[in-house]
């Protein structure tokens, strides 16, 4: 799969997680889905910020402006994820935060798939998108699994901070027996 297909596959998985949250029969099941949403969206955002967005800045005529908008959206998502991550099982605020997250993510997906990705598909060779897809697949194993809204969101600082955050996240995940993907 090329990079854009990999990221769109992630979008479909996250949309399914939102449906799973709605179908969950207990607070425990809902909390499990929230933990997966936090994990998958944190990884996805980090991968876009490390690999896709620098490419878009380079190849799109107004890439800087467009990517700055996407990074601003990521910040909102990360703040909502952080708030969700801090809640305990059964917290009454979970439902409204998940609804807010779903709105934020749905808007972001529509913008990426409707505008950014088609423009990148036109501007970047198939071979380069395939190579980037391989890099994204490899980087998923070491991407941060928790939101870090105050961490750098652009290379080169992101390139240095992300592995440290990911190692810390994975340790916390193990200690708290969080689901892994």
Protein backbone atom coordinates (compact mmCIF):
# COMPACT_ATOMS: atom_id res chain seq x y z
CA UNK A 1 0.00 0.00 0.00
CA UNK A 2 1.18 3.49 -0.68
CA UNK A 3 1.36 6.08 2.10
CA UNK A 4 -2.03 7.59 1.36
CA UNK A 5 -3.72 4.18 1.30
CA UNK A 6 -2.09 3.28 4.64
CA UNK A 7 -3.32 6.50 6.24
CA UNK A 8 -6.83 6.11 4.77
CA UNK A 9 -6.90 2.56 6.15
CA UNK A 10 -6.13 4.08 9.57
CA UNK A 11 -9.03 6.51 9.07
CA UNK A 12 -11.43 3.61 8.41
CA UNK A 13 -10.15 1.79 11.52
CA UNK A 14 -10.73 4.86 13.69
CA UNK A 15 -14.24 5.30 12.27
CA UNK A 16 -14.91 1.66 13.22
CA UNK A 17 -13.63 2.31 16.75
CA UNK A 18 -16.16 5.13 17.11
CA UNK A 19 -18.91 2.70 16.06
CA UNK A 20 -17.54 0.14 18.53
CA UNK A 21 -17.75 2.76 21.29
CA UNK A 22 -21.42 3.39 20.49
CA UNK A 23 -22.14 -0.37 20.48
CA UNK A 24 -20.28 -1.10 23.73
CA UNK A 25 -22.51 -2.62 26.41
CA UNK A 26 -20.58 -1.58 29.52
CA UNK A 27 -18.32 1.11 30.95
CA UNK A 28 -15.46 -1.37 30.85
CA UNK A 29 -15.95 -2.03 27.11
CA UNK A 30 -16.27 1.70 26.41
CA UNK A 31 -13.06 2.38 28.34
CA UNK A 32 -11.27 -0.29 26.31
CA UNK A 33 -12.38 1.38 23.08
CA UNK A 34 -11.30 4.80 24.40
CA UNK A 35 -7.84 3.40 25.14
CA UNK A 36 -7.63 2.05 21.58
CA UNK A 37 -8.78 5.40 20.16
CA UNK A 38 -6.11 7.20 22.19
CA UNK A 39 -3.46 4.75 21.01
CA UNK A 40 -4.38 4.67 17.32
CA UNK A 41 -5.01 8.40 16.92
CA UNK A 42 -1.79 9.27 18.76
CA UNK A 43 0.21 6.97 16.48
CA UNK A 44 -1.55 8.23 13.37
CA UNK A 45 -0.97 11.90 14.19
CA UNK A 46 2.71 11.30 14.95
CA UNK A 47 3.21 9.44 11.65
CA UNK A 48 1.55 12.20 9.65
CA UNK A 49 3.61 14.84 11.42
CA UNK A 50 6.90 12.97 10.98
CA UNK A 51 6.50 11.66 7.45
CA UNK A 52 3.54 12.99 5.43
CA UNK A 53 3.40 16.64 6.39
CA UNK A 54 7.08 17.42 5.67
CA UNK A 55 6.57 15.99 2.18
CA UNK A 56 3.42 18.07 1.65
CA UNK A 57 5.24 21.23 2.75
CA UNK A 58 7.92 20.49 0.18
CA UNK A 59 5.83 19.56 -2.86
CA UNK A 60 2.60 21.57 -2.60
CA UNK A 61 2.61 25.24 -3.66
CA UNK A 62 0.74 26.34 -0.52
CA UNK A 63 1.91 23.39 1.56
CA UNK A 64 3.10 25.45 4.52
CA UNK A 65 -0.30 27.10 4.99
CA UNK A 66 -2.24 23.88 4.50
CA UNK A 67 -0.04 21.84 6.84
CA UNK A 68 -0.16 24.55 9.50
CA UNK A 69 -3.97 24.17 9.43
CA UNK A 70 -3.69 20.39 9.78
CA UNK A 71 -1.24 20.77 12.68
CA UNK A 72 -3.69 23.12 14.38
CA UNK A 73 -6.40 20.46 14.00
CA UNK A 74 -4.01 17.84 15.39
CA UNK A 75 -3.47 20.04 18.45
CA UNK A 76 -7.20 20.09 19.16
CA UNK A 77 -7.44 16.32 18.73
CA UNK A 78 -4.42 15.76 21.01
CA UNK A 79 -5.93 17.93 23.72
CA UNK A 80 -9.20 15.99 23.56
CA UNK A 81 -7.27 12.70 23.60
CA UNK A 82 -5.30 13.85 26.63
CA UNK A 83 -8.52 14.75 28.46
CA UNK A 84 -10.00 11.33 27.59
CA UNK A 85 -6.82 9.51 28.59
CA UNK A 86 -6.97 11.08 32.06
CA UNK A 87 -10.53 9.94 32.76
CA UNK A 88 -11.29 6.74 34.59
CA UNK A 89 -13.68 3.97 33.65
CA UNK A 90 -17.29 5.11 33.96
CA UNK A 91 -16.53 8.85 34.14
CA UNK A 92 -19.66 10.71 33.05
CA UNK A 93 -17.60 13.13 30.88
CA UNK A 94 -16.37 10.34 28.60
CA UNK A 95 -19.39 10.34 26.27
CA UNK A 96 -19.28 14.05 25.51
CA UNK A 97 -15.50 13.99 25.01
CA UNK A 98 -15.80 11.02 22.63
CA UNK A 99 -18.51 12.92 20.70
CA UNK A 100 -16.23 15.98 20.51
CA UNK A 101 -13.32 13.80 19.37
CA UNK A 102 -15.49 12.17 16.73
CA UNK A 103 -16.47 15.58 15.31
CA UNK A 104 -12.85 16.78 15.28
CA UNK A 105 -11.56 13.61 13.65
CA UNK A 106 -14.39 13.44 11.08
CA UNK A 107 -13.70 17.01 9.94
CA UNK A 108 -9.98 16.32 9.76
CA UNK A 109 -10.49 13.12 7.73
CA UNK A 110 -12.80 14.92 5.29
CA UNK A 111 -10.22 17.67 4.74
CA UNK A 112 -7.32 15.26 4.34
CA UNK A 113 -9.10 12.83 2.04
CA UNK A 114 -10.98 15.52 0.13
CA UNK A 115 -8.16 18.00 -0.44
CA UNK A 116 -4.68 17.13 0.83
CA UNK A 117 -4.42 13.51 -0.31
CA UNK A 118 -5.69 14.07 -3.87
CA UNK A 119 -3.23 16.95 -4.28
CA UNK A 120 -0.38 14.81 -2.97
CA UNK A 121 -1.34 11.96 -5.28
CA UNK A 122 -1.00 14.36 -8.22
CA UNK A 123 2.27 15.94 -7.02
CA UNK A 124 4.20 12.86 -5.84
CA UNK A 125 5.29 9.85 -7.88
CA UNK A 126 3.75 6.44 -7.23
CA UNK A 127 7.21 5.11 -6.30
CA UNK A 128 7.73 7.82 -3.69
CA UNK A 129 4.28 7.21 -2.18
CA UNK A 130 5.02 3.47 -2.08
CA UNK A 131 8.35 4.10 -0.35
CA UNK A 132 6.68 6.45 2.14
CA UNK A 133 4.01 3.81 2.78
CA UNK A 134 6.75 1.33 3.72
CA UNK A 135 8.32 3.90 6.06
CA UNK A 136 4.97 4.58 7.71
CA UNK A 137 4.40 0.84 8.19
CA UNK A 138 7.80 0.47 9.86
CA UNK A 139 7.38 3.61 11.99
CA UNK A 140 4.02 2.44 13.38
CA UNK A 141 5.84 0.00 15.64
CA UNK A 142 7.75 2.80 17.35
CA UNK A 143 5.32 5.75 17.18
CA UNK A 144 4.05 7.41 20.39
CA UNK A 145 0.90 5.76 21.73
CA UNK A 146 -0.32 8.64 23.88
CA UNK A 147 -1.09 12.27 23.05
CA UNK A 148 1.69 14.80 23.60
CA UNK A 149 0.12 18.19 22.81
CA UNK A 150 3.11 20.10 24.15
CA UNK A 151 5.74 18.14 22.23
CA UNK A 152 7.21 19.45 18.97
CA UNK A 153 5.04 18.69 15.94
CA UNK A 154 7.55 19.35 13.16
CA UNK A 155 10.96 17.93 12.25
CA UNK A 156 13.73 18.12 13.26
CA UNK A 157 12.61 18.53 16.90
CA UNK A 158 9.77 16.02 16.39
CA UNK A 159 12.24 13.49 15.01
CA UNK A 160 14.21 13.71 18.25
CA UNK A 161 11.27 13.88 20.67
CA UNK A 162 8.99 11.20 19.18
CA UNK A 163 11.18 8.15 19.97
CA UNK A 164 11.58 9.28 23.58
CA UNK A 165 7.85 9.86 23.94
CA UNK A 166 7.12 6.49 22.33
CA UNK A 167 9.44 4.61 24.70
CA UNK A 168 7.84 6.33 27.69
CA UNK A 169 4.34 5.62 26.34
CA UNK A 170 5.06 1.93 25.80
CA UNK A 171 6.39 1.59 29.34
CA UNK A 172 3.24 3.25 30.71
CA UNK A 173 1.09 1.05 28.47
CA UNK A 174 2.72 -2.11 29.86
CA UNK A 175 2.49 -0.97 33.47
CA UNK A 176 -1.18 -0.06 33.05
CA UNK A 177 -1.91 -3.18 30.96
CA UNK A 178 -3.25 -1.12 28.08
CA UNK A 179 -4.30 -2.82 24.84
CA UNK A 180 -1.66 -3.06 22.13
CA UNK A 181 -2.09 -3.01 18.37
